[in-house]
Amino acid sequence: MEKQNIIQDNELLTEIAVAYYQDEITQEEIAKKFGISRIKVGRLLKRAKEEGIVEINVRYHPVFSTRLEQQMLERFPIKRALIALDHQDEEEQRRQVAALVSNYLASTLKDQTVVTVGQGRNVAAVADHPGSMPERQCKFICGIGGTHRPGDSINADHISRRLAKKFGGISETLYAPAYVEEKSQREAFMRNGTINETLDRARKADIALVGIGDMNENSYMVKLGWFTPHEIIDANLNQGVIGDVAGYDFFNAQGQHVDTVMNERVIGLSIDELRQIPCVIAIASENTKALAILGALRTGAIDIIATSALNIRTLLNMSQ
């Protein structure tokens, strides 16, 4: 009986929501039609949104996005701002941003283009964005070594392979771990000819795809064991670290490099090396990353930022 009441209740919510949002019937007319008060109609419409029966998405006119991008170009030394529609669901927001980057690559990649690939969920989402893409004889190279989690889909090597498959190109693996415990271990890896040659090709890429991270106890680096939650808090509170580019090169709000326990322990391209790549695309879909994006833009290493409209508006307000 209780289940039947729930079904009937949802049917009423749906019927009222359709009448108001789709058929554009006023709340007063709905109240008369269903024999309920005007106030109750308002409450039911609110419930319909809370329970997911109604989803309201504000669609930005292209002119609006263009204006936001123009303001970003006036404020920061970048070439493009790829601005996605705002979405409450974090995964959907990531897909929206990834779609913009994927489409940008589809229109930009040419035969023989070389792309350096970073790690993380936002970069992985670009590789996983559905849809057929024009095949190019391009090359994707890992810009950072591999992690110790087998089968991890946000490992740079896995992402590079999926991007190569997506665009009909080829992939080159960086045969080294991303993180080592001691600086001496990194020095030993860096003396290896194969590793050096791959990194050298990555440094000379035409495009780089990297993520922007912020400092929090649930970050990817904590899950990997590179940082303890205590070290994250210490770096944030005592050293002024607000974010990272590519998963390990840390900076403060002014975009200045900050030394951390990660120094000389990661095998991958640094911010200084990324600056030498003609087009660095930095991706940050989460709406918690506005401050980290601001610091990243101030490093001078970013040429294209891909993020949400909310982050862009926040950035513009913070940089005034």
C-alpha atoms as a PDB file:
ATOM      1  CA  MET A   1       0.000   0.000   0.000  1.00  0.00           C
ATOM      2  CA  GLU A   2       2.840   2.350   0.935  1.00  0.00           C
ATOM      3  CA  LYS A   3       4.619   1.618  -2.371  1.00  0.00           C
ATOM      4  CA  GLN A   4       1.440   2.397  -4.288  1.00  0.00           C
ATOM      5  CA  ASN A   5       1.095   5.738  -2.464  1.00  0.00           C
ATOM      6  CA  ILE A   6       4.685   6.643  -3.383  1.00  0.00           C
ATOM      7  CA  ILE A   7       4.015   5.837  -7.046  1.00  0.00           C
ATOM      8  CA  GLN A   8       0.839   7.937  -7.029  1.00  0.00           C
ATOM      9  CA  ASP A   9       2.675  10.759  -5.290  1.00  0.00           C
ATOM     10  CA  ASN A  10       5.443  10.730  -7.941  1.00  0.00           C
ATOM     11  CA  GLU A  11       2.847  10.646 -10.702  1.00  0.00           C
ATOM     12  CA  LEU A  12       1.201  13.753  -9.228  1.00  0.00           C
ATOM     13  CA  LEU A  13       4.551  15.541  -8.976  1.00  0.00           C
ATOM     14  CA  THR A  14       5.348  14.634 -12.570  1.00  0.00           C
ATOM     15  CA  GLU A  15       1.945  15.741 -13.843  1.00  0.00           C
ATOM     16  CA  ILE A  16       2.175  19.100 -12.070  1.00  0.00           C
ATOM     17  CA  ALA A  17       5.775  19.601 -13.211  1.00  0.00           C
ATOM     18  CA  VAL A  18       4.869  18.888 -16.848  1.00  0.00           C
ATOM     19  CA  ALA A  19       1.917  21.292 -16.636  1.00  0.00           C
ATOM     20  CA  TYR A  20       4.042  24.093 -15.228  1.00  0.00           C
ATOM     21  CA  TYR A  21       7.399  23.717 -16.983  1.00  0.00           C
ATOM     22  CA  GLN A  22       6.408  22.171 -20.300  1.00  0.00           C
ATOM     23  CA  ASP A  23       2.813  23.308 -20.904  1.00  0.00           C
ATOM     24  CA  GLU A  24       3.465  26.706 -19.258  1.00  0.00           C
ATOM     25  CA  ILE A  25       0.254  26.618 -17.200  1.00  0.00           C
ATOM     26  CA  THR A  26       0.339  29.090 -14.294  1.00  0.00           C
ATOM     27  CA  GLN A  27       0.487  27.851 -10.701  1.00  0.00           C
ATOM     28  CA  GLU A  28      -2.932  29.382 -10.050  1.00  0.00           C
ATOM     29  CA  GLU A  29      -4.458  27.445 -12.966  1.00  0.00           C
ATOM     30  CA  ILE A  30      -2.790  24.233 -11.750  1.00  0.00           C
ATOM     31  CA  ALA A  31      -4.225  24.808  -8.264  1.00  0.00           C
ATOM     32  CA  LYS A  32      -7.741  25.062  -9.694  1.00  0.00           C
ATOM     33  CA  LYS A  33      -7.255  22.036 -11.948  1.00  0.00           C
ATOM     34  CA  PHE A  34      -6.080  19.753  -9.118  1.00  0.00           C
ATOM     35  CA  GLY A  35      -8.229  21.264  -6.365  1.00  0.00           C
ATOM     36  CA  ILE A  36      -5.300  22.295  -4.171  1.00  0.00           C
ATOM     37  CA  SER A  37      -3.984  25.595  -2.867  1.00  0.00           C
ATOM     38  CA  ARG A  38      -1.578  27.836  -4.778  1.00  0.00           C
ATOM     39  CA  ILE A  39       0.945  27.462  -1.929  1.00  0.00           C
ATOM     40  CA  LYS A  40       0.808  23.654  -2.157  1.00  0.00           C
ATOM     41  CA  VAL A  41       1.511  23.817  -5.905  1.00  0.00           C
ATOM     42  CA  GLY A  42       4.673  25.786  -5.160  1.00  0.00           C
ATOM     43  CA  ARG A  43       5.731  23.215  -2.561  1.00  0.00           C
ATOM     44  CA  LEU A  44       5.111  20.312  -4.936  1.00  0.00           C
ATOM     45  CA  LEU A  45       7.142  21.974  -7.691  1.00  0.00           C
ATOM     46  CA  LYS A  46       9.979  22.453  -5.214  1.00  0.00           C
ATOM     47  CA  ARG A  47       9.770  18.753  -4.266  1.00  0.00           C
ATOM     48  CA  ALA A  48       9.841  17.789  -7.933  1.00  0.00           C
ATOM     49  CA  LYS A  49      13.222  19.557  -8.259  1.00  0.00           C
ATOM     50  CA  GLU A  50      14.582  18.108  -5.010  1.00  0.00           C
ATOM     51  CA  GLU A  51      13.661  14.545  -6.024  1.00  0.00           C
ATOM     52  CA  GLY A  52      15.161  14.869  -9.501  1.00  0.00           C
ATOM     53  CA  ILE A  53      11.850  14.763 -11.379  1.00  0.00           C
ATOM     54  CA  VAL A  54      12.664  18.236 -12.696  1.00  0.00           C
ATOM     55  CA  GLU A  55      16.163  19.336 -13.717  1.00  0.00           C
ATOM     56  CA  ILE A  56      16.700  22.964 -14.624  1.00  0.00           C
ATOM     57  CA  ASN A  57      19.689  23.763 -16.836  1.00  0.00           C
ATOM     58  CA  VAL A  58      20.557  27.318 -17.785  1.00  0.00           C
ATOM     59  CA  ARG A  59      21.867  27.278 -21.349  1.00  0.00           C
ATOM     60  CA  TYR A  60      24.341  30.032 -22.075  1.00  0.00           C
ATOM     61  CA  HIS A  61      23.999  31.807 -25.361  1.00  0.00           C
ATOM     62  CA  PRO A  62      27.219  31.526 -27.417  1.00  0.00           C
ATOM     63  CA  VAL A  63      27.592  35.300 -27.179  1.00  0.00           C
ATOM     64  CA  PHE A  64      27.705  34.981 -23.375  1.00  0.00           C
ATOM     65  CA  SER A  65      30.531  32.420 -23.507  1.00  0.00           C
ATOM     66  CA  THR A  66      32.372  34.540 -26.056  1.00  0.00           C
ATOM     67  CA  ARG A  67      32.204  37.545 -23.746  1.00  0.00           C
ATOM     68  CA  LEU A  68      33.540  35.500 -20.835  1.00  0.00           C
ATOM     69  CA  GLU A  69      36.377  34.214 -22.984  1.00  0.00           C
ATOM     70  CA  GLN A  70      37.205  37.727 -24.171  1.00  0.00           C
ATOM     71  CA  GLN A  71      37.417  38.931 -20.580  1.00  0.00           C
ATOM     72  CA  MET A  72      39.758  36.030 -19.768  1.00  0.00           C
ATOM     73  CA  LEU A  73      42.002  36.892 -22.723  1.00  0.00           C
ATOM     74  CA  GLU A  74      42.169  40.501 -21.531  1.00  0.00           C
ATOM     75  CA  ARG A  75      42.989  39.448 -17.975  1.00  0.00           C
ATOM     76  CA  PHE A  76      45.410  36.523 -18.485  1.00  0.00           C
ATOM     77  CA  PRO A  77      48.193  35.642 -20.982  1.00  0.00           C
ATOM     78  CA  ILE A  78      46.271  32.795 -22.652  1.00  0.00           C
ATOM     79  CA  LYS A  79      45.170  32.017 -26.210  1.00  0.00           C
ATOM     80  CA  ARG A  80      41.771  30.417 -25.532  1.00  0.00           C
ATOM     81  CA  ALA A  81      39.287  29.690 -22.763  1.00  0.00           C
ATOM     82  CA  LEU A  82      37.089  26.654 -23.426  1.00  0.00           C
ATOM     83  CA  ILE A  83      34.033  27.293 -21.252  1.00  0.00           C
ATOM     84  CA  ALA A  84      31.531  24.523 -20.494  1.00  0.00           C
ATOM     85  CA  LEU A  85      27.974  24.863 -19.249  1.00  0.00           C
ATOM     86  CA  ASP A  86      27.553  24.611 -15.496  1.00  0.00           C
ATOM     87  CA  HIS A  87      26.210  21.334 -14.140  1.00  0.00           C
ATOM     88  CA  GLN A  88      25.552  20.270 -10.546  1.00  0.00           C
ATOM     89  CA  ASP A  89      26.731  16.704 -11.131  1.00  0.00           C
ATOM     90  CA  GLU A  90      30.540  16.565 -10.999  1.00  0.00           C
ATOM     91  CA  GLU A  91      30.852  13.700 -13.482  1.00  0.00           C
ATOM     92  CA  GLU A  92      28.562  15.406 -15.976  1.00  0.00           C
ATOM     93  CA  GLN A  93      30.513  18.635 -15.544  1.00  0.00           C
ATOM     94  CA  ARG A  94      33.717  16.711 -16.296  1.00  0.00           C
ATOM     95  CA  ARG A  95      32.138  15.256 -19.456  1.00  0.00           C
ATOM     96  CA  GLN A  96      31.030  18.725 -20.607  1.00  0.00           C
ATOM     97  CA  VAL A  97      34.548  20.119 -20.242  1.00  0.00           C
ATOM     98  CA  ALA A  98      36.087  17.021 -21.843  1.00  0.00           C
ATOM     99  CA  ALA A  99      33.778  17.399 -24.847  1.00  0.00           C
ATOM    100  CA  LEU A 100      35.117  20.904 -25.503  1.00  0.00           C
ATOM    101  CA  VAL A 101      38.735  19.736 -25.318  1.00  0.00           C
ATOM    102  CA  SER A 102      38.019  16.699 -27.482  1.00  0.00           C
ATOM    103  CA  ASN A 103      36.363  18.835 -30.150  1.00  0.00           C
ATOM    104  CA  TYR A 104      39.204  21.349 -30.000  1.00  0.00           C
ATOM    105  CA  LEU A 105      41.731  18.580 -30.611  1.00  0.00           C
ATOM    106  CA  ALA A 106      39.624  17.232 -33.474  1.00  0.00           C
ATOM    107  CA  SER A 107      39.837  20.607 -35.209  1.00  0.00           C
ATOM    108  CA  THR A 108      43.494  21.230 -34.337  1.00  0.00           C
ATOM    109  CA  LEU A 109      45.417  17.958 -34.669  1.00  0.00           C
ATOM    110  CA  LYS A 110      47.240  17.446 -37.940  1.00  0.00           C
ATOM    111  CA  ASP A 111      49.423  14.672 -39.289  1.00  0.00           C
ATOM    112  CA  GLN A 112      52.724  14.494 -37.367  1.00  0.00           C
ATOM    113  CA  THR A 113      51.384  16.534 -34.428  1.00  0.00           C
ATOM    114  CA  VAL A 114      52.954  15.415 -31.141  1.00  0.00           C
ATOM    115  CA  VAL A 115      50.917  15.608 -27.935  1.00  0.00           C
ATOM    116  CA  THR A 116      52.348  15.221 -24.431  1.00  0.00           C
ATOM    117  CA  VAL A 117      49.826  13.545 -22.123  1.00  0.00           C
ATOM    118  CA  GLY A 118      49.429  14.019 -18.373  1.00  0.00           C
ATOM    119  CA  GLN A 119      47.502  12.014 -15.796  1.00  0.00           C
ATOM    120  CA  GLY A 120      44.243  12.412 -13.867  1.00  0.00           C
ATOM    121  CA  ARG A 121      40.479  12.184 -14.236  1.00  0.00           C
ATOM    122  CA  ASN A 122      40.026  15.325 -16.331  1.00  0.00           C
ATOM    123  CA  VAL A 123      42.620  14.332 -18.908  1.00  0.00           C
ATOM    124  CA  ALA A 124      41.215  10.793 -18.954  1.00  0.00           C
ATOM    125  CA  ALA A 125      37.735  12.157 -19.656  1.00  0.00           C
ATOM    126  CA  VAL A 126      39.011  13.682 -22.915  1.00  0.00           C
ATOM    127  CA  ALA A 127      40.214  10.280 -24.097  1.00  0.00           C
ATOM    128  CA  ASP A 128      36.907   8.707 -23.076  1.00  0.00           C
ATOM    129  CA  HIS A 129      34.641  11.292 -24.713  1.00  0.00           C
ATOM    130  CA  PRO A 130      32.455   9.400 -27.222  1.00  0.00           C
ATOM    131  CA  GLY A 131      32.057  10.171 -30.888  1.00  0.00           C
ATOM    132  CA  SER A 132      33.989   9.555 -34.074  1.00  0.00           C
ATOM    133  CA  MET A 133      37.059  11.706 -34.592  1.00  0.00           C
ATOM    134  CA  PRO A 134      39.053  12.415 -37.742  1.00  0.00           C
ATOM    135  CA  GLU A 135      42.059  10.110 -37.945  1.00  0.00           C
ATOM    136  CA  ARG A 136      45.416  11.825 -37.838  1.00  0.00           C
ATOM    137  CA  GLN A 137      48.924  10.413 -38.068  1.00  0.00           C
ATOM    138  CA  CYS A 138      49.763  12.076 -34.763  1.00  0.00           C
ATOM    139  CA  LYS A 139      51.667  10.863 -31.727  1.00  0.00           C
ATOM    140  CA  PHE A 140      50.763  10.866 -28.040  1.00  0.00           C
ATOM    141  CA  ILE A 141      53.629  10.645 -25.536  1.00  0.00           C
ATOM    142  CA  CYS A 142      53.419  10.193 -21.769  1.00  0.00           C
ATOM    143  CA  GLY A 143      54.633  13.322 -20.000  1.00  0.00           C
ATOM    144  CA  ILE A 144      54.863  11.535 -16.655  1.00  0.00           C
ATOM    145  CA  GLY A 145      55.700   7.985 -15.608  1.00  0.00           C
ATOM    146  CA  GLY A 146      53.265   5.318 -14.484  1.00  0.00           C
ATOM    147  CA  THR A 147      51.607   4.803 -11.124  1.00  0.00           C
ATOM    148  CA  HIS A 148      51.683   1.645  -9.039  1.00  0.00           C
ATOM    149  CA  ARG A 149      47.944   0.947  -9.402  1.00  0.00           C
ATOM    150  CA  PRO A 150      47.464  -1.702 -12.150  1.00  0.00           C
ATOM    151  CA  GLY A 151      44.582  -1.043 -14.505  1.00  0.00           C
ATOM    152  CA  ASP A 152      44.183   2.547 -13.354  1.00  0.00           C
ATOM    153  CA  SER A 153      42.338   4.322 -16.172  1.00  0.00           C
ATOM    154  CA  ILE A 154      43.712   7.726 -15.163  1.00  0.00           C
ATOM    155  CA  ASN A 155      47.323   6.625 -15.506  1.00  0.00           C
ATOM    156  CA  ALA A 156      49.090   8.722 -18.195  1.00  0.00           C
ATOM    157  CA  ASP A 157      50.063   5.653 -20.234  1.00  0.00           C
ATOM    158  CA  HIS A 158      46.491   4.338 -20.353  1.00  0.00           C
ATOM    159  CA  ILE A 159      45.195   7.781 -21.325  1.00  0.00           C
ATOM    160  CA  SER A 160      47.829   8.153 -24.046  1.00  0.00           C
ATOM    161  CA  ARG A 161      46.880   4.801 -25.549  1.00  0.00           C
ATOM    162  CA  ARG A 162      43.169   5.648 -25.548  1.00  0.00           C
ATOM    163  CA  LEU A 163      43.823   9.023 -27.172  1.00  0.00           C
ATOM    164  CA  ALA A 164      45.907   7.350 -29.866  1.00  0.00           C
ATOM    165  CA  LYS A 165      43.096   4.900 -30.559  1.00  0.00           C
ATOM    166  CA  LYS A 166      40.523   7.703 -30.576  1.00  0.00           C
ATOM    167  CA  PHE A 167      42.394   9.773 -33.168  1.00  0.00           C
ATOM    168  CA  GLY A 168      44.009   6.952 -35.110  1.00  0.00           C
ATOM    169  CA  GLY A 169      47.518   7.887 -34.000  1.00  0.00           C
ATOM    170  CA  ILE A 170      50.252   6.092 -32.056  1.00  0.00           C
ATOM    171  CA  SER A 171      51.283   6.157 -28.404  1.00  0.00           C
ATOM    172  CA  GLU A 172      54.685   6.182 -26.709  1.00  0.00           C
ATOM    173  CA  THR A 173      55.090   4.923 -23.147  1.00  0.00           C
ATOM    174  CA  LEU A 174      57.434   6.487 -20.615  1.00  0.00           C
ATOM    175  CA  TYR A 175      59.015   3.379 -19.115  1.00  0.00           C
ATOM    176  CA  ALA A 176      59.487   4.726 -15.615  1.00  0.00           C
ATOM    177  CA  PRO A 177      57.497   5.103 -12.408  1.00  0.00           C
ATOM    178  CA  ALA A 178      55.853   8.455 -11.863  1.00  0.00           C
ATOM    179  CA  TYR A 179      57.085   8.706  -8.283  1.00  0.00           C
ATOM    180  CA  VAL A 180      60.139   7.348  -6.462  1.00  0.00           C
ATOM    181  CA  GLU A 181      60.925   7.389  -2.752  1.00  0.00           C
ATOM    182  CA  GLU A 182      64.405   8.906  -2.976  1.00  0.00           C
ATOM    183  CA  LYS A 183      66.003  11.605  -5.129  1.00  0.00           C
ATOM    184  CA  SER A 184      68.885   9.240  -5.849  1.00  0.00           C
ATOM    185  CA  GLN A 185      66.428   6.795  -7.431  1.00  0.00           C
ATOM    186  CA  ARG A 186      65.137   9.512  -9.735  1.00  0.00           C
ATOM    187  CA  GLU A 187      68.671  10.420 -10.738  1.00  0.00           C
ATOM    188  CA  ALA A 188      69.344   6.785 -11.622  1.00  0.00           C
ATOM    189  CA  PHE A 189      66.200   6.585 -13.797  1.00  0.00           C
ATOM    190  CA  MET A 190      67.065   9.861 -15.494  1.00  0.00           C
ATOM    191  CA  ARG A 191      70.408   8.419 -16.559  1.00  0.00           C
ATOM    192  CA  ASN A 192      68.591   5.726 -18.517  1.00  0.00           C
ATOM    193  CA  GLY A 193      68.784   6.383 -22.274  1.00  0.00           C
ATOM    194  CA  THR A 194      65.275   5.120 -23.110  1.00  0.00           C
ATOM    195  CA  ILE A 195      63.644   7.289 -20.434  1.00  0.00           C
ATOM    196  CA  ASN A 196      65.669  10.327 -21.444  1.00  0.00           C
ATOM    197  CA  GLU A 197      64.775   9.951 -25.118  1.00  0.00           C
ATOM    198  CA  THR A 198      61.052   9.676 -24.381  1.00  0.00           C
ATOM    199  CA  LEU A 199      61.103  12.713 -22.087  1.00  0.00           C
ATOM    200  CA  ASP A 200      63.057  14.657 -24.687  1.00  0.00           C
ATOM    201  CA  ARG A 201      60.393  13.907 -27.299  1.00  0.00           C
ATOM    202  CA  ALA A 202      57.711  14.892 -24.789  1.00  0.00           C
ATOM    203  CA  ARG A 203      59.475  18.224 -24.171  1.00  0.00           C
ATOM    204  CA  LYS A 204      59.446  18.955 -27.908  1.00  0.00           C
ATOM    205  CA  ALA A 205      55.711  18.268 -28.328  1.00  0.00           C
ATOM    206  CA  ASP A 206      53.363  20.656 -30.112  1.00  0.00           C
ATOM    207  CA  ILE A 207      50.584  20.290 -27.542  1.00  0.00           C
ATOM    208  CA  ALA A 208      50.406  19.224 -23.892  1.00  0.00           C
ATOM    209  CA  LEU A 209      47.279  17.987 -22.098  1.00  0.00           C
ATOM    210  CA  VAL A 210      47.504  18.397 -18.331  1.00  0.00           C
ATOM    211  CA  GLY A 211      45.222  18.620 -15.345  1.00  0.00           C
ATOM    212  CA  ILE A 212      45.159  21.221 -12.587  1.00  0.00           C
ATOM    213  CA  GLY A 213      44.938  19.905  -9.038  1.00  0.00           C
ATOM    214  CA  ASP A 214      43.997  21.598  -5.793  1.00  0.00           C
ATOM    215  CA  MET A 215      45.232  20.790  -2.306  1.00  0.00           C
ATOM    216  CA  ASN A 216      42.832  18.595  -0.372  1.00  0.00           C
ATOM    217  CA  GLU A 217      42.976  15.447   1.729  1.00  0.00           C
ATOM    218  CA  ASN A 218      41.058  13.426  -0.880  1.00  0.00           C
ATOM    219  CA  SER A 219      43.332  14.258  -3.792  1.00  0.00           C
ATOM    220  CA  TYR A 220      44.619  11.723  -6.285  1.00  0.00           C
ATOM    221  CA  MET A 221      48.135  12.124  -4.856  1.00  0.00           C
ATOM    222  CA  VAL A 222      46.978  11.080  -1.379  1.00  0.00           C
ATOM    223  CA  LYS A 223      45.272   8.010  -2.843  1.00  0.00           C
ATOM    224  CA  LEU A 224      48.501   7.114  -4.628  1.00  0.00           C
ATOM    225  CA  GLY A 225      50.477   7.508  -1.414  1.00  0.00           C
ATOM    226  CA  TRP A 226      52.628  10.374  -2.730  1.00  0.00           C
ATOM    227  CA  PHE A 227      51.340  12.676  -0.004  1.00  0.00           C
ATOM    228  CA  THR A 228      49.874  11.949   3.417  1.00  0.00           C
ATOM    229  CA  PRO A 229      46.802  14.009   4.433  1.00  0.00           C
ATOM    230  CA  HIS A 230      49.039  15.720   7.020  1.00  0.00           C
ATOM    231  CA  GLU A 231      51.559  16.729   4.348  1.00  0.00           C
ATOM    232  CA  ILE A 232      48.767  18.141   2.185  1.00  0.00           C
ATOM    233  CA  ILE A 233      47.530  20.289   5.087  1.00  0.00           C
ATOM    234  CA  ASP A 234      51.063  21.391   5.931  1.00  0.00           C
ATOM    235  CA  ALA A 235      51.821  22.379   2.324  1.00  0.00           C
ATOM    236  CA  ASN A 236      48.570  24.314   2.128  1.00  0.00           C
ATOM    237  CA  LEU A 237      48.629  26.109   5.470  1.00  0.00           C
ATOM    238  CA  ASN A 238      52.348  26.592   6.080  1.00  0.00           C
ATOM    239  CA  GLN A 239      53.758  26.854   2.559  1.00  0.00           C
ATOM    240  CA  GLY A 240      50.888  28.565   0.771  1.00  0.00           C
ATOM    241  CA  VAL A 241      50.486  25.813  -1.836  1.00  0.00           C
ATOM    242  CA  ILE A 242      47.114  26.111  -3.587  1.00  0.00           C
ATOM    243  CA  GLY A 243      47.482  23.702  -6.500  1.00  0.00           C
ATOM    244  CA  ASP A 244      49.582  21.789  -8.979  1.00  0.00           C
ATOM    245  CA  VAL A 245      49.981  21.394 -12.718  1.00  0.00           C
ATOM    246  CA  ALA A 246      50.364  17.895 -14.180  1.00  0.00           C
ATOM    247  CA  GLY A 247      49.979  16.261 -10.778  1.00  0.00           C
ATOM    248  CA  TYR A 248      53.076  17.315  -8.902  1.00  0.00           C
ATOM    249  CA  ASP A 249      54.562  20.742  -9.730  1.00  0.00           C
ATOM    250  CA  PHE A 250      53.196  22.964  -6.963  1.00  0.00           C
ATOM    251  CA  PHE A 251      52.580  26.709  -6.848  1.00  0.00           C
ATOM    252  CA  ASN A 252      51.132  29.446  -4.643  1.00  0.00           C
ATOM    253  CA  ALA A 253      48.410  31.995  -5.413  1.00  0.00           C
ATOM    254  CA  GLN A 254      50.943  34.155  -7.295  1.00  0.00           C
ATOM    255  CA  GLY A 255      51.869  31.235  -9.564  1.00  0.00           C
ATOM    256  CA  GLN A 256      55.306  30.848  -7.984  1.00  0.00           C
ATOM    257  CA  HIS A 257      56.895  27.422  -7.546  1.00  0.00           C
ATOM    258  CA  VAL A 258      56.824  26.040  -3.994  1.00  0.00           C
ATOM    259  CA  ASP A 259      59.226  23.358  -2.763  1.00  0.00           C
ATOM    260  CA  THR A 260      57.470  20.324  -1.275  1.00  0.00           C
ATOM    261  CA  VAL A 261      58.352  16.744  -0.311  1.00  0.00           C
ATOM    262  CA  MET A 262      57.661  15.899  -3.959  1.00  0.00           C
ATOM    263  CA  ASN A 263      60.718  17.791  -5.197  1.00  0.00           C
ATOM    264  CA  GLU A 264      63.046  15.669  -7.301  1.00  0.00           C
ATOM    265  CA  ARG A 265      60.921  12.563  -6.777  1.00  0.00           C
ATOM    266  CA  VAL A 266      58.686  12.629  -9.847  1.00  0.00           C
ATOM    267  CA  ILE A 267      59.728  11.497 -13.314  1.00  0.00           C
ATOM    268  CA  GLY A 268      57.885  13.793 -15.678  1.00  0.00           C
ATOM    269  CA  LEU A 269      57.851  17.246 -17.239  1.00  0.00           C
ATOM    270  CA  SER A 270      58.050  20.291 -14.961  1.00  0.00           C
ATOM    271  CA  ILE A 271      56.209  23.588 -15.324  1.00  0.00           C
ATOM    272  CA  ASP A 272      59.394  25.118 -16.735  1.00  0.00           C
ATOM    273  CA  GLU A 273      59.485  22.428 -19.424  1.00  0.00           C
ATOM    274  CA  LEU A 274      55.783  22.833 -20.159  1.00  0.00           C
ATOM    275  CA  ARG A 275      56.397  26.547 -20.827  1.00  0.00           C
ATOM    276  CA  GLN A 276      58.504  25.543 -23.814  1.00  0.00           C
ATOM    277  CA  ILE A 277      55.627  23.619 -25.433  1.00  0.00           C
ATOM    278  CA  PRO A 278      53.688  25.871 -27.872  1.00  0.00           C
ATOM    279  CA  CYS A 279      50.189  24.915 -26.678  1.00  0.00           C
ATOM    280  CA  VAL A 280      49.549  23.710 -23.132  1.00  0.00           C
ATOM    281  CA  ILE A 281      45.905  22.830 -22.509  1.00  0.00           C
ATOM    282  CA  ALA A 282      45.062  22.721 -18.798  1.00  0.00           C
ATOM    283  CA  ILE A 283      41.812  21.064 -17.724  1.00  0.00           C
ATOM    284  CA  ALA A 284      39.965  21.582 -14.435  1.00  0.00           C
ATOM    285  CA  SER A 285      36.271  20.800 -14.412  1.00  0.00           C
ATOM    286  CA  GLU A 286      35.568  20.830 -10.660  1.00  0.00           C
ATOM    287  CA  ASN A 287      33.994  24.013  -9.295  1.00  0.00           C
ATOM    288  CA  THR A 288      36.252  23.800  -6.219  1.00  0.00           C
ATOM    289  CA  LYS A 289      39.342  24.602  -8.278  1.00  0.00           C
ATOM    290  CA  ALA A 290      38.948  28.297  -9.113  1.00  0.00           C
ATOM    291  CA  LEU A 291      41.811  29.372  -6.832  1.00  0.00           C
ATOM    292  CA  ALA A 292      44.065  26.587  -8.155  1.00  0.00           C
ATOM    293  CA  ILE A 293      43.262  27.645 -11.736  1.00  0.00           C
ATOM    294  CA  LEU A 294      44.141  31.248 -10.883  1.00  0.00           C
ATOM    295  CA  GLY A 295      47.550  30.191  -9.574  1.00  0.00           C
ATOM    296  CA  ALA A 296      48.116  27.933 -12.586  1.00  0.00           C
ATOM    297  CA  LEU A 297      47.343  30.750 -15.021  1.00  0.00           C
ATOM    298  CA  ARG A 298      49.807  32.988 -13.191  1.00  0.00           C
ATOM    299  CA  THR A 299      52.625  30.476 -13.751  1.00  0.00           C
ATOM    300  CA  GLY A 300      52.652  31.529 -17.398  1.00  0.00           C
ATOM    301  CA  ALA A 301      52.711  27.895 -18.527  1.00  0.00           C
ATOM    302  CA  ILE A 302      49.060  27.651 -19.620  1.00  0.00           C
ATOM    303  CA  ASP A 303      47.933  28.577 -23.128  1.00  0.00           C
ATOM    304  CA  ILE A 304      44.376  27.215 -23.064  1.00  0.00           C
ATOM    305  CA  ILE A 305      42.204  26.737 -19.985  1.00  0.00           C
ATOM    306  CA  ALA A 306      39.223  24.366 -20.132  1.00  0.00           C
ATOM    307  CA  THR A 307      36.765  24.662 -17.262  1.00  0.00           C
ATOM    308  CA  SER A 308      33.206  25.585 -16.255  1.00  0.00           C
ATOM    309  CA  ALA A 309      31.445  28.932 -16.642  1.00  0.00           C
ATOM    310  CA  LEU A 310      31.176  29.163 -12.845  1.00  0.00           C
ATOM    311  CA  ASN A 311      34.939  28.836 -12.454  1.00  0.00           C
ATOM    312  CA  ILE A 312      35.483  31.462 -15.144  1.00  0.00           C
ATOM    313  CA  ARG A 313      33.154  33.935 -13.428  1.00  0.00           C
ATOM    314  CA  THR A 314      34.875  33.269 -10.093  1.00  0.00           C
ATOM    315  CA  LEU A 315      38.298  33.770 -11.701  1.00  0.00           C
ATOM    316  CA  LEU A 316      37.253  37.088 -13.191  1.00  0.00           C
ATOM    317  CA  ASN A 317      35.923  38.272  -9.837  1.00  0.00           C
ATOM    318  CA  MET A 318      39.086  37.151  -7.968  1.00  0.00           C
ATOM    319  CA  SER A 319      41.442  38.798 -10.467  1.00  0.00           C
ATOM    320  CA  GLN A 320      39.837  42.225 -10.417  1.00  0.00           C
END
